[in-house]
Amino acid sequence: MELAQARPRNGKAAVSGAVIVKPKKTSRVARGVATNELIFSAYQATNDEVFPHVLKLYVPEGSLVADVTYGKGVFWKQVPETAYDIRASDLRSGVDCSKLPYGDTTIDCVVFDPPYMHTPGGTAHQNHQNFEHYYNNNGTQNTSKKYHEAVLDLYFKGAKEAFRVLKPEGIYIVKCQDEVCSNQQRLTHVEIINELTQLGFVVEDLYVVLRKNKPGVSRILRQVHARKNHSYFLVFRKAKSVRYLPQRRNGQMALRLAEGKRHSASNRQPARRGSKCASVGRCASGKSATDQEDKSQ
């Protein structure tokens, strides 16, 4: 430490023996590189163009990922084949998203993209007719819930099973879209967030995917609601510990979570190879809506 003689102040002589202590230099330096190459929360793009951005932020390479609505693998078109250990499956392979063949806390990331609209009839939402086809919503095998409620039921059941198989701090990526059902506005992404935070998930992020082309329009006399031309990637994290869960007050949900410190994708440990997790054909709960959606684009 260096000592320096005090300088005179206001022309007066300094007190004899007075010293000034120079501040110690710190070793702290500015880190990082200035850039505008950032990942944004909204893109006018296709799903396969946005999905790699989600993985880059939240799922480190080498992770064990269960895509339980794999379909034709649309999401993975622009992801290197060797980047992740993928367990790909869907309903065609006989695996249900609510009954996954994986052990508890064995998966690093679960991807869920079911048909997220029911088909009201006519030519509306033709790209989403697979919901009734796959889940027999209006048939004899599933009569407990109808229409939009059946769509939500699928999301909620899939989330419960994902919570079971995910490791602590595991990532759950959900694709969804809002819809108007029976002339009633249903903000599906809000309903999903409210339910999943009750299960113990923490909301990490939301990506908006804006369609490049205009959605088709069936015969219409008068437009009542804005036509949906965007969808969402919701990113959830399975918290290590939750001290208290959100509570309903006056019919509204207060999203209040206190849980362990989050870990970024760069700090999160990748999956171990040779995991006991079963490898299945192409995982659960129905054909991905994305496969049909991309055809329309």
C-alpha atoms as a PDB file:
ATOM      1  CA  MET A   1       0.000   0.000   0.000  1.00  0.00           C
ATOM      2  CA  GLU A   2       1.404   3.366  -0.987  1.00  0.00           C
ATOM      3  CA  LEU A   3       1.308   6.356   1.327  1.00  0.00           C
ATOM      4  CA  ALA A   4       1.444   9.872  -0.058  1.00  0.00           C
ATOM      5  CA  GLN A   5       1.864  13.193   1.715  1.00  0.00           C
ATOM      6  CA  ALA A   6      -1.328  15.204   1.941  1.00  0.00           C
ATOM      7  CA  ARG A   7      -1.597  18.060  -0.509  1.00  0.00           C
ATOM      8  CA  PRO A   8      -2.400  21.596   0.696  1.00  0.00           C
ATOM      9  CA  ARG A   9      -6.095  22.469   0.546  1.00  0.00           C
ATOM     10  CA  ASN A  10      -7.277  26.059  -0.078  1.00  0.00           C
ATOM     11  CA  GLY A  11      -3.688  27.235  -0.049  1.00  0.00           C
ATOM     12  CA  LYS A  12      -3.135  26.129   3.560  1.00  0.00           C
ATOM     13  CA  ALA A  13      -0.263  23.939   4.542  1.00  0.00           C
ATOM     14  CA  ALA A  14      -1.083  20.309   5.121  1.00  0.00           C
ATOM     15  CA  VAL A  15      -0.981  18.940   8.618  1.00  0.00           C
ATOM     16  CA  SER A  16       2.406  17.443   9.287  1.00  0.00           C
ATOM     17  CA  GLY A  17       2.413  13.675   9.116  1.00  0.00           C
ATOM     18  CA  ALA A  18      -0.973  13.431   7.384  1.00  0.00           C
ATOM     19  CA  VAL A  19      -1.209  10.727   4.742  1.00  0.00           C
ATOM     20  CA  ILE A  20      -3.601   9.828   1.948  1.00  0.00           C
ATOM     21  CA  VAL A  21      -4.475   6.192   1.360  1.00  0.00           C
ATOM     22  CA  LYS A  22      -4.731   5.474  -2.333  1.00  0.00           C
ATOM     23  CA  PRO A  23      -7.622   3.158  -3.268  1.00  0.00           C
ATOM     24  CA  LYS A  24      -6.545  -0.367  -4.027  1.00  0.00           C
ATOM     25  CA  LYS A  25      -6.740  -1.335  -7.662  1.00  0.00           C
ATOM     26  CA  THR A  26      -9.187  -4.150  -8.317  1.00  0.00           C
ATOM     27  CA  SER A  27      -8.579  -7.062 -10.622  1.00  0.00           C
ATOM     28  CA  ARG A  28     -12.149  -6.903 -11.916  1.00  0.00           C
ATOM     29  CA  VAL A  29     -12.390  -6.481 -15.656  1.00  0.00           C
ATOM     30  CA  ALA A  30     -15.331  -6.211 -18.029  1.00  0.00           C
ATOM     31  CA  ARG A  31     -16.082  -9.586 -19.568  1.00  0.00           C
ATOM     32  CA  GLY A  32     -17.995 -10.584 -22.673  1.00  0.00           C
ATOM     33  CA  VAL A  33     -18.122  -9.202 -26.173  1.00  0.00           C
ATOM     34  CA  ALA A  34     -20.374  -6.431 -27.401  1.00  0.00           C
ATOM     35  CA  THR A  35     -22.743  -7.881 -29.987  1.00  0.00           C
ATOM     36  CA  ASN A  36     -26.205  -7.545 -31.442  1.00  0.00           C
ATOM     37  CA  GLU A  37     -26.340 -11.248 -32.354  1.00  0.00           C
ATOM     38  CA  LEU A  38     -28.890 -11.975 -29.654  1.00  0.00           C
ATOM     39  CA  ILE A  39     -31.695 -14.474 -29.252  1.00  0.00           C
ATOM     40  CA  PHE A  40     -35.024 -12.652 -29.295  1.00  0.00           C
ATOM     41  CA  SER A  41     -38.452 -13.419 -27.871  1.00  0.00           C
ATOM     42  CA  ALA A  42     -40.321 -13.107 -31.186  1.00  0.00           C
ATOM     43  CA  TYR A  43     -39.593 -14.232 -34.753  1.00  0.00           C
ATOM     44  CA  GLN A  44     -41.447 -14.228 -38.038  1.00  0.00           C
ATOM     45  CA  ALA A  45     -40.216 -17.665 -38.951  1.00  0.00           C
ATOM     46  CA  THR A  46     -41.011 -21.363 -39.064  1.00  0.00           C
ATOM     47  CA  ASN A  47     -40.830 -23.642 -36.034  1.00  0.00           C
ATOM     48  CA  ASP A  48     -37.632 -25.342 -37.178  1.00  0.00           C
ATOM     49  CA  GLU A  49     -35.956 -21.922 -37.395  1.00  0.00           C
ATOM     50  CA  VAL A  50     -36.945 -20.863 -33.868  1.00  0.00           C
ATOM     51  CA  PHE A  51     -36.515 -24.167 -32.022  1.00  0.00           C
ATOM     52  CA  PRO A  52     -32.662 -24.156 -32.177  1.00  0.00           C
ATOM     53  CA  HIS A  53     -32.679 -20.770 -30.409  1.00  0.00           C
ATOM     54  CA  VAL A  54     -34.690 -22.277 -27.552  1.00  0.00           C
ATOM     55  CA  LEU A  55     -32.255 -25.168 -27.221  1.00  0.00           C
ATOM     56  CA  LYS A  56     -29.226 -22.876 -27.328  1.00  0.00           C
ATOM     57  CA  LEU A  57     -30.383 -20.906 -24.295  1.00  0.00           C
ATOM     58  CA  TYR A  58     -31.770 -23.689 -22.137  1.00  0.00           C
ATOM     59  CA  VAL A  59     -30.569 -27.152 -23.171  1.00  0.00           C
ATOM     60  CA  PRO A  60     -26.804 -27.834 -23.256  1.00  0.00           C
ATOM     61  CA  GLU A  61     -25.462 -30.083 -25.989  1.00  0.00           C
ATOM     62  CA  GLY A  62     -25.215 -33.726 -24.977  1.00  0.00           C
ATOM     63  CA  SER A  63     -28.441 -33.589 -22.973  1.00  0.00           C
ATOM     64  CA  LEU A  64     -30.920 -36.453 -23.032  1.00  0.00           C
ATOM     65  CA  VAL A  65     -34.041 -35.069 -24.739  1.00  0.00           C
ATOM     66  CA  ALA A  66     -37.395 -36.861 -25.001  1.00  0.00           C
ATOM     67  CA  ASP A  67     -39.477 -35.454 -27.848  1.00  0.00           C
ATOM     68  CA  VAL A  68     -42.774 -37.130 -27.047  1.00  0.00           C
ATOM     69  CA  THR A  69     -44.614 -35.771 -30.102  1.00  0.00           C
ATOM     70  CA  TYR A  70     -41.819 -36.221 -32.625  1.00  0.00           C
ATOM     71  CA  GLY A  71     -43.920 -36.847 -35.734  1.00  0.00           C
ATOM     72  CA  LYS A  72     -41.690 -36.196 -38.750  1.00  0.00           C
ATOM     73  CA  GLY A  73     -39.096 -34.381 -36.682  1.00  0.00           C
ATOM     74  CA  VAL A  74     -39.901 -30.904 -37.999  1.00  0.00           C
ATOM     75  CA  PHE A  75     -38.422 -29.155 -34.948  1.00  0.00           C
ATOM     76  CA  TRP A  76     -35.077 -30.894 -35.417  1.00  0.00           C
ATOM     77  CA  LYS A  77     -34.444 -30.076 -39.088  1.00  0.00           C
ATOM     78  CA  GLN A  78     -31.808 -27.465 -38.281  1.00  0.00           C
ATOM     79  CA  VAL A  79     -30.333 -29.126 -35.183  1.00  0.00           C
ATOM     80  CA  PRO A  80     -27.168 -31.214 -35.749  1.00  0.00           C
ATOM     81  CA  GLU A  81     -27.925 -34.921 -35.323  1.00  0.00           C
ATOM     82  CA  THR A  82     -25.053 -35.432 -32.887  1.00  0.00           C
ATOM     83  CA  ALA A  83     -25.863 -32.425 -30.680  1.00  0.00           C
ATOM     84  CA  TYR A  84     -28.361 -34.221 -28.414  1.00  0.00           C
ATOM     85  CA  ASP A  85     -29.264 -37.724 -27.287  1.00  0.00           C
ATOM     86  CA  ILE A  86     -32.851 -37.793 -28.572  1.00  0.00           C
ATOM     87  CA  ARG A  87     -35.607 -40.202 -27.546  1.00  0.00           C
ATOM     88  CA  ALA A  88     -38.075 -39.648 -30.382  1.00  0.00           C
ATOM     89  CA  SER A  89     -41.598 -41.035 -30.248  1.00  0.00           C
ATOM     90  CA  ASP A  90     -45.298 -40.271 -30.724  1.00  0.00           C
ATOM     91  CA  LEU A  91     -48.680 -41.955 -30.572  1.00  0.00           C
ATOM     92  CA  ARG A  92     -48.096 -43.834 -33.817  1.00  0.00           C
ATOM     93  CA  SER A  93     -45.449 -45.888 -32.047  1.00  0.00           C
ATOM     94  CA  GLY A  94     -47.976 -46.808 -29.364  1.00  0.00           C
ATOM     95  CA  VAL A  95     -46.564 -44.588 -26.620  1.00  0.00           C
ATOM     96  CA  ASP A  96     -48.861 -42.216 -24.728  1.00  0.00           C
ATOM     97  CA  CYS A  97     -47.449 -38.947 -23.378  1.00  0.00           C
ATOM     98  CA  SER A  98     -49.280 -39.560 -20.102  1.00  0.00           C
ATOM     99  CA  LYS A  99     -47.587 -42.954 -19.687  1.00  0.00           C
ATOM    100  CA  LEU A 100     -43.983 -42.518 -20.768  1.00  0.00           C
ATOM    101  CA  PRO A 101     -41.668 -45.564 -20.597  1.00  0.00           C
ATOM    102  CA  TYR A 102     -38.977 -43.672 -18.691  1.00  0.00           C
ATOM    103  CA  GLY A 103     -37.924 -43.844 -15.076  1.00  0.00           C
ATOM    104  CA  ASP A 104     -38.398 -41.040 -12.576  1.00  0.00           C
ATOM    105  CA  THR A 105     -35.971 -38.090 -12.889  1.00  0.00           C
ATOM    106  CA  THR A 106     -34.060 -39.558 -15.846  1.00  0.00           C
ATOM    107  CA  ILE A 107     -34.565 -36.970 -18.615  1.00  0.00           C
ATOM    108  CA  ASP A 108     -32.845 -33.592 -19.075  1.00  0.00           C
ATOM    109  CA  CYS A 109     -35.454 -32.082 -21.399  1.00  0.00           C
ATOM    110  CA  VAL A 110     -38.950 -32.977 -22.629  1.00  0.00           C
ATOM    111  CA  VAL A 111     -40.452 -31.484 -25.801  1.00  0.00           C
ATOM    112  CA  PHE A 112     -44.246 -31.462 -26.184  1.00  0.00           C
ATOM    113  CA  ASP A 113     -46.077 -30.299 -29.322  1.00  0.00           C
ATOM    114  CA  PRO A 114     -49.527 -31.920 -29.555  1.00  0.00           C
ATOM    115  CA  PRO A 115     -52.348 -30.919 -31.906  1.00  0.00           C
ATOM    116  CA  TYR A 116     -53.369 -27.765 -30.073  1.00  0.00           C
ATOM    117  CA  MET A 117     -56.765 -27.027 -31.635  1.00  0.00           C
ATOM    118  CA  HIS A 118     -59.931 -29.006 -31.964  1.00  0.00           C
ATOM    119  CA  THR A 119     -61.732 -28.938 -35.314  1.00  0.00           C
ATOM    120  CA  PRO A 120     -65.083 -27.131 -35.094  1.00  0.00           C
ATOM    121  CA  GLY A 121     -66.133 -28.363 -38.518  1.00  0.00           C
ATOM    122  CA  GLY A 122     -66.256 -27.011 -42.039  1.00  0.00           C
ATOM    123  CA  THR A 123     -62.949 -25.782 -43.410  1.00  0.00           C
ATOM    124  CA  ALA A 124     -61.744 -23.968 -40.304  1.00  0.00           C
ATOM    125  CA  HIS A 125     -58.486 -25.225 -38.787  1.00  0.00           C
ATOM    126  CA  GLN A 126     -58.136 -28.097 -41.244  1.00  0.00           C
ATOM    127  CA  ASN A 127     -54.483 -28.381 -40.315  1.00  0.00           C
ATOM    128  CA  HIS A 128     -55.496 -29.398 -36.809  1.00  0.00           C
ATOM    129  CA  GLN A 129     -57.992 -32.154 -37.614  1.00  0.00           C
ATOM    130  CA  ASN A 130     -55.566 -34.694 -36.191  1.00  0.00           C
ATOM    131  CA  PHE A 131     -56.765 -33.911 -32.679  1.00  0.00           C
ATOM    132  CA  GLU A 132     -60.130 -35.590 -33.219  1.00  0.00           C
ATOM    133  CA  HIS A 133     -58.559 -38.276 -35.386  1.00  0.00           C
ATOM    134  CA  TYR A 134     -55.918 -39.275 -32.846  1.00  0.00           C
ATOM    135  CA  TYR A 135     -57.754 -38.781 -29.581  1.00  0.00           C
ATOM    136  CA  ASN A 136     -61.323 -39.624 -30.598  1.00  0.00           C
ATOM    137  CA  ASN A 137     -62.537 -36.527 -28.779  1.00  0.00           C
ATOM    138  CA  ASN A 138     -66.031 -36.879 -30.234  1.00  0.00           C
ATOM    139  CA  GLY A 139     -66.046 -40.658 -30.270  1.00  0.00           C
ATOM    140  CA  THR A 140     -66.508 -43.343 -27.655  1.00  0.00           C
ATOM    141  CA  GLN A 141     -62.992 -43.555 -26.206  1.00  0.00           C
ATOM    142  CA  ASN A 142     -62.869 -40.086 -24.688  1.00  0.00           C
ATOM    143  CA  THR A 143     -66.192 -38.599 -23.666  1.00  0.00           C
ATOM    144  CA  SER A 144     -65.234 -36.956 -20.371  1.00  0.00           C
ATOM    145  CA  LYS A 145     -64.006 -33.710 -21.957  1.00  0.00           C
ATOM    146  CA  LYS A 146     -64.896 -31.928 -25.175  1.00  0.00           C
ATOM    147  CA  TYR A 147     -63.363 -29.450 -27.576  1.00  0.00           C
ATOM    148  CA  HIS A 148     -60.993 -26.913 -26.000  1.00  0.00           C
ATOM    149  CA  GLU A 149     -61.240 -28.559 -22.579  1.00  0.00           C
ATOM    150  CA  ALA A 150     -60.010 -31.796 -24.139  1.00  0.00           C
ATOM    151  CA  VAL A 151     -57.030 -29.936 -25.608  1.00  0.00           C
ATOM    152  CA  LEU A 152     -56.170 -28.517 -22.176  1.00  0.00           C
ATOM    153  CA  ASP A 153     -56.614 -31.916 -20.570  1.00  0.00           C
ATOM    154  CA  LEU A 154     -54.008 -33.323 -22.935  1.00  0.00           C
ATOM    155  CA  TYR A 155     -51.541 -30.565 -22.060  1.00  0.00           C
ATOM    156  CA  PHE A 156     -52.077 -31.024 -18.332  1.00  0.00           C
ATOM    157  CA  LYS A 157     -51.695 -34.812 -18.403  1.00  0.00           C
ATOM    158  CA  GLY A 158     -48.574 -34.500 -20.522  1.00  0.00           C
ATOM    159  CA  ALA A 159     -47.118 -31.951 -18.094  1.00  0.00           C
ATOM    160  CA  LYS A 160     -47.660 -34.195 -15.070  1.00  0.00           C
ATOM    161  CA  GLU A 161     -45.834 -37.039 -16.760  1.00  0.00           C
ATOM    162  CA  ALA A 162     -43.054 -34.719 -17.930  1.00  0.00           C
ATOM    163  CA  PHE A 163     -42.615 -33.498 -14.358  1.00  0.00           C
ATOM    164  CA  ARG A 164     -42.178 -37.100 -13.231  1.00  0.00           C
ATOM    165  CA  VAL A 165     -39.482 -38.045 -15.752  1.00  0.00           C
ATOM    166  CA  LEU A 166     -37.544 -34.759 -15.698  1.00  0.00           C
ATOM    167  CA  LYS A 167     -34.478 -34.376 -13.541  1.00  0.00           C
ATOM    168  CA  PRO A 168     -34.399 -31.513 -11.036  1.00  0.00           C
ATOM    169  CA  GLU A 169     -33.685 -28.342 -13.053  1.00  0.00           C
ATOM    170  CA  GLY A 170     -34.865 -30.204 -16.170  1.00  0.00           C
ATOM    171  CA  ILE A 171     -36.393 -28.196 -19.029  1.00  0.00           C
ATOM    172  CA  TYR A 172     -39.910 -28.650 -20.432  1.00  0.00           C
ATOM    173  CA  ILE A 173     -40.532 -27.071 -23.863  1.00  0.00           C
ATOM    174  CA  VAL A 174     -44.191 -26.723 -24.856  1.00  0.00           C
ATOM    175  CA  LYS A 175     -45.622 -25.557 -28.200  1.00  0.00           C
ATOM    176  CA  CYS A 176     -49.122 -24.078 -28.109  1.00  0.00           C
ATOM    177  CA  GLN A 177     -51.472 -21.582 -29.724  1.00  0.00           C
ATOM    178  CA  ASP A 178     -54.459 -19.599 -28.485  1.00  0.00           C
ATOM    179  CA  GLU A 179     -57.841 -20.168 -30.111  1.00  0.00           C
ATOM    180  CA  VAL A 180     -61.424 -18.974 -30.231  1.00  0.00           C
ATOM    181  CA  CYS A 181     -63.791 -21.762 -29.224  1.00  0.00           C
ATOM    182  CA  SER A 182     -67.577 -21.352 -29.448  1.00  0.00           C
ATOM    183  CA  ASN A 183     -67.015 -17.637 -30.014  1.00  0.00           C
ATOM    184  CA  GLN A 184     -65.120 -17.435 -26.737  1.00  0.00           C
ATOM    185  CA  GLN A 185     -61.522 -16.247 -26.544  1.00  0.00           C
ATOM    186  CA  ARG A 186     -59.296 -18.944 -25.013  1.00  0.00           C
ATOM    187  CA  LEU A 187     -55.773 -17.811 -24.192  1.00  0.00           C
ATOM    188  CA  THR A 188     -54.301 -21.286 -24.131  1.00  0.00           C
ATOM    189  CA  HIS A 189     -50.785 -20.207 -23.212  1.00  0.00           C
ATOM    190  CA  VAL A 190     -52.076 -18.446 -20.082  1.00  0.00           C
ATOM    191  CA  GLU A 191     -54.152 -21.468 -19.056  1.00  0.00           C
ATOM    192  CA  ILE A 192     -51.136 -23.741 -19.500  1.00  0.00           C
ATOM    193  CA  ILE A 193     -48.827 -21.450 -17.520  1.00  0.00           C
ATOM    194  CA  ASN A 194     -51.279 -21.210 -14.620  1.00  0.00           C
ATOM    195  CA  GLU A 195     -51.723 -24.978 -14.417  1.00  0.00           C
ATOM    196  CA  LEU A 196     -48.048 -25.877 -14.782  1.00  0.00           C
ATOM    197  CA  THR A 197     -46.906 -23.458 -12.097  1.00  0.00           C
ATOM    198  CA  GLN A 198     -49.349 -25.236  -9.782  1.00  0.00           C
ATOM    199  CA  LEU A 199     -47.576 -28.502 -10.610  1.00  0.00           C
ATOM    200  CA  GLY A 200     -44.206 -27.073  -9.584  1.00  0.00           C
ATOM    201  CA  PHE A 201     -42.796 -25.798 -12.871  1.00  0.00           C
ATOM    202  CA  VAL A 202     -41.145 -22.390 -13.111  1.00  0.00           C
ATOM    203  CA  VAL A 203     -41.748 -20.241 -16.195  1.00  0.00           C
ATOM    204  CA  GLU A 204     -38.409 -19.465 -17.823  1.00  0.00           C
ATOM    205  CA  ASP A 205     -39.316 -17.977 -21.187  1.00  0.00           C
ATOM    206  CA  LEU A 206     -41.890 -17.406 -23.914  1.00  0.00           C
ATOM    207  CA  TYR A 207     -41.144 -17.231 -27.636  1.00  0.00           C
ATOM    208  CA  VAL A 208     -43.662 -15.872 -30.142  1.00  0.00           C
ATOM    209  CA  VAL A 209     -43.603 -17.466 -33.606  1.00  0.00           C
ATOM    210  CA  LEU A 210     -45.322 -15.304 -36.222  1.00  0.00           C
ATOM    211  CA  ARG A 211     -46.432 -17.046 -39.400  1.00  0.00           C
ATOM    212  CA  LYS A 212     -44.731 -16.033 -42.634  1.00  0.00           C
ATOM    213  CA  ASN A 213     -47.889 -16.518 -44.675  1.00  0.00           C
ATOM    214  CA  LYS A 214     -51.471 -15.455 -44.042  1.00  0.00           C
ATOM    215  CA  PRO A 215     -53.832 -18.012 -42.448  1.00  0.00           C
ATOM    216  CA  GLY A 216     -56.678 -19.279 -44.601  1.00  0.00           C
ATOM    217  CA  VAL A 217     -60.158 -17.884 -44.102  1.00  0.00           C
ATOM    218  CA  SER A 218     -63.364 -19.882 -44.403  1.00  0.00           C
ATOM    219  CA  ARG A 219     -66.711 -18.259 -45.268  1.00  0.00           C
ATOM    220  CA  ILE A 220     -67.391 -15.462 -42.861  1.00  0.00           C
ATOM    221  CA  LEU A 221     -70.277 -13.015 -42.428  1.00  0.00           C
ATOM    222  CA  ARG A 222     -68.718 -10.863 -39.733  1.00  0.00           C
ATOM    223  CA  GLN A 223     -65.346 -11.104 -38.045  1.00  0.00           C
ATOM    224  CA  VAL A 224     -65.671 -11.061 -34.259  1.00  0.00           C
ATOM    225  CA  HIS A 225     -62.124 -11.819 -33.079  1.00  0.00           C
ATOM    226  CA  ALA A 226     -58.682 -11.230 -34.543  1.00  0.00           C
ATOM    227  CA  ARG A 227     -57.504 -14.258 -36.509  1.00  0.00           C
ATOM    228  CA  LYS A 228     -54.594 -16.018 -34.822  1.00  0.00           C
ATOM    229  CA  ASN A 229     -51.411 -15.938 -36.861  1.00  0.00           C
ATOM    230  CA  HIS A 230     -48.910 -16.621 -34.102  1.00  0.00           C
ATOM    231  CA  SER A 231     -48.056 -19.454 -31.737  1.00  0.00           C
ATOM    232  CA  TYR A 232     -45.767 -19.931 -28.738  1.00  0.00           C
ATOM    233  CA  PHE A 233     -42.836 -21.885 -27.421  1.00  0.00           C
ATOM    234  CA  LEU A 234     -43.178 -21.954 -23.630  1.00  0.00           C
ATOM    235  CA  VAL A 235     -40.096 -22.882 -21.610  1.00  0.00           C
ATOM    236  CA  PHE A 236     -40.511 -24.281 -18.101  1.00  0.00           C
ATOM    237  CA  ARG A 237     -38.000 -25.525 -15.550  1.00  0.00           C
ATOM    238  CA  LYS A 238     -38.603 -28.202 -12.952  1.00  0.00           C
ATOM    239  CA  ALA A 239     -37.563 -26.421  -9.774  1.00  0.00           C
ATOM    240  CA  LYS A 240     -35.308 -28.202  -7.306  1.00  0.00           C
ATOM    241  CA  SER A 241     -37.336 -26.972  -4.371  1.00  0.00           C
ATOM    242  CA  VAL A 242     -40.499 -24.927  -4.085  1.00  0.00           C
ATOM    243  CA  ARG A 243     -41.259 -23.203  -0.790  1.00  0.00           C
ATOM    244  CA  TYR A 244     -44.745 -22.102  -1.733  1.00  0.00           C
ATOM    245  CA  LEU A 245     -46.944 -22.398  -4.788  1.00  0.00           C
ATOM    246  CA  PRO A 246     -49.134 -19.795  -6.501  1.00  0.00           C
ATOM    247  CA  GLN A 247     -52.442 -19.082  -4.835  1.00  0.00           C
ATOM    248  CA  ARG A 248     -55.772 -18.099  -6.359  1.00  0.00           C
ATOM    249  CA  ARG A 249     -57.111 -14.757  -5.178  1.00  0.00           C
ATOM    250  CA  ASN A 250     -60.452 -13.426  -6.367  1.00  0.00           C
ATOM    251  CA  GLY A 251     -60.456 -15.960  -9.156  1.00  0.00           C
ATOM    252  CA  GLN A 252     -57.059 -14.824 -10.469  1.00  0.00           C
ATOM    253  CA  MET A 253     -53.753 -16.608 -10.293  1.00  0.00           C
ATOM    254  CA  ALA A 254     -50.850 -14.965  -8.512  1.00  0.00           C
ATOM    255  CA  LEU A 255     -47.672 -16.447  -9.953  1.00  0.00           C
ATOM    256  CA  ARG A 256     -45.507 -16.431  -6.852  1.00  0.00           C
ATOM    257  CA  LEU A 257     -42.661 -18.905  -6.789  1.00  0.00           C
ATOM    258  CA  ALA A 258     -39.655 -19.044  -4.519  1.00  0.00           C
ATOM    259  CA  GLU A 259     -37.259 -21.769  -5.518  1.00  0.00           C
ATOM    260  CA  GLY A 260     -33.626 -22.698  -6.007  1.00  0.00           C
ATOM    261  CA  LYS A 261     -31.219 -20.706  -8.142  1.00  0.00           C
ATOM    262  CA  ARG A 262     -31.583 -21.366 -11.851  1.00  0.00           C
ATOM    263  CA  HIS A 263     -28.726 -22.668 -13.948  1.00  0.00           C
ATOM    264  CA  SER A 264     -28.028 -21.509 -17.473  1.00  0.00           C
ATOM    265  CA  ALA A 265     -27.601 -23.943 -20.329  1.00  0.00           C
ATOM    266  CA  SER A 266     -23.845 -23.437 -20.217  1.00  0.00           C
ATOM    267  CA  ASN A 267     -23.695 -24.442 -16.546  1.00  0.00           C
ATOM    268  CA  ARG A 268     -26.243 -27.240 -16.611  1.00  0.00           C
ATOM    269  CA  GLN A 269     -24.710 -30.696 -16.746  1.00  0.00           C
ATOM    270  CA  PRO A 270     -25.408 -32.734 -19.890  1.00  0.00           C
ATOM    271  CA  ALA A 271     -26.963 -36.163 -19.704  1.00  0.00           C
ATOM    272  CA  ARG A 272     -24.867 -39.220 -19.069  1.00  0.00           C
ATOM    273  CA  ARG A 273     -24.574 -41.594 -21.947  1.00  0.00           C
ATOM    274  CA  GLY A 274     -25.900 -45.077 -21.394  1.00  0.00           C
ATOM    275  CA  SER A 275     -28.761 -43.894 -19.247  1.00  0.00           C
ATOM    276  CA  LYS A 276     -31.270 -46.460 -18.019  1.00  0.00           C
ATOM    277  CA  CYS A 277     -33.931 -44.506 -19.880  1.00  0.00           C
ATOM    278  CA  ALA A 278     -35.686 -46.718 -22.408  1.00  0.00           C
ATOM    279  CA  SER A 279     -35.282 -45.891 -26.068  1.00  0.00           C
ATOM    280  CA  VAL A 280     -38.615 -45.991 -27.809  1.00  0.00           C
ATOM    281  CA  GLY A 281     -39.626 -45.566 -31.421  1.00  0.00           C
ATOM    282  CA  ARG A 282     -41.175 -42.117 -31.765  1.00  0.00           C
ATOM    283  CA  CYS A 283     -42.673 -40.923 -28.485  1.00  0.00           C
ATOM    284  CA  ALA A 284     -45.960 -40.158 -27.132  1.00  0.00           C
ATOM    285  CA  SER A 285     -49.226 -38.495 -27.255  1.00  0.00           C
ATOM    286  CA  GLY A 286     -50.164 -37.915 -30.723  1.00  0.00           C
ATOM    287  CA  LYS A 287     -48.784 -36.606 -33.911  1.00  0.00           C
ATOM    288  CA  SER A 288     -47.209 -33.202 -33.674  1.00  0.00           C
ATOM    289  CA  ALA A 289     -49.336 -30.334 -34.900  1.00  0.00           C
ATOM    290  CA  THR A 290     -46.145 -28.830 -36.253  1.00  0.00           C
ATOM    291  CA  ASP A 291     -45.937 -31.428 -39.016  1.00  0.00           C
ATOM    292  CA  GLN A 292     -49.304 -30.336 -40.360  1.00  0.00           C
ATOM    293  CA  GLU A 293     -48.644 -26.663 -39.670  1.00  0.00           C
ATOM    294  CA  ASP A 294     -45.433 -26.635 -41.718  1.00  0.00           C
ATOM    295  CA  LYS A 295     -47.210 -28.160 -44.706  1.00  0.00           C
ATOM    296  CA  SER A 296     -49.523 -25.167 -44.810  1.00  0.00           C
ATOM    297  CA  GLN A 297     -46.532 -22.863 -44.764  1.00  0.00           C
END
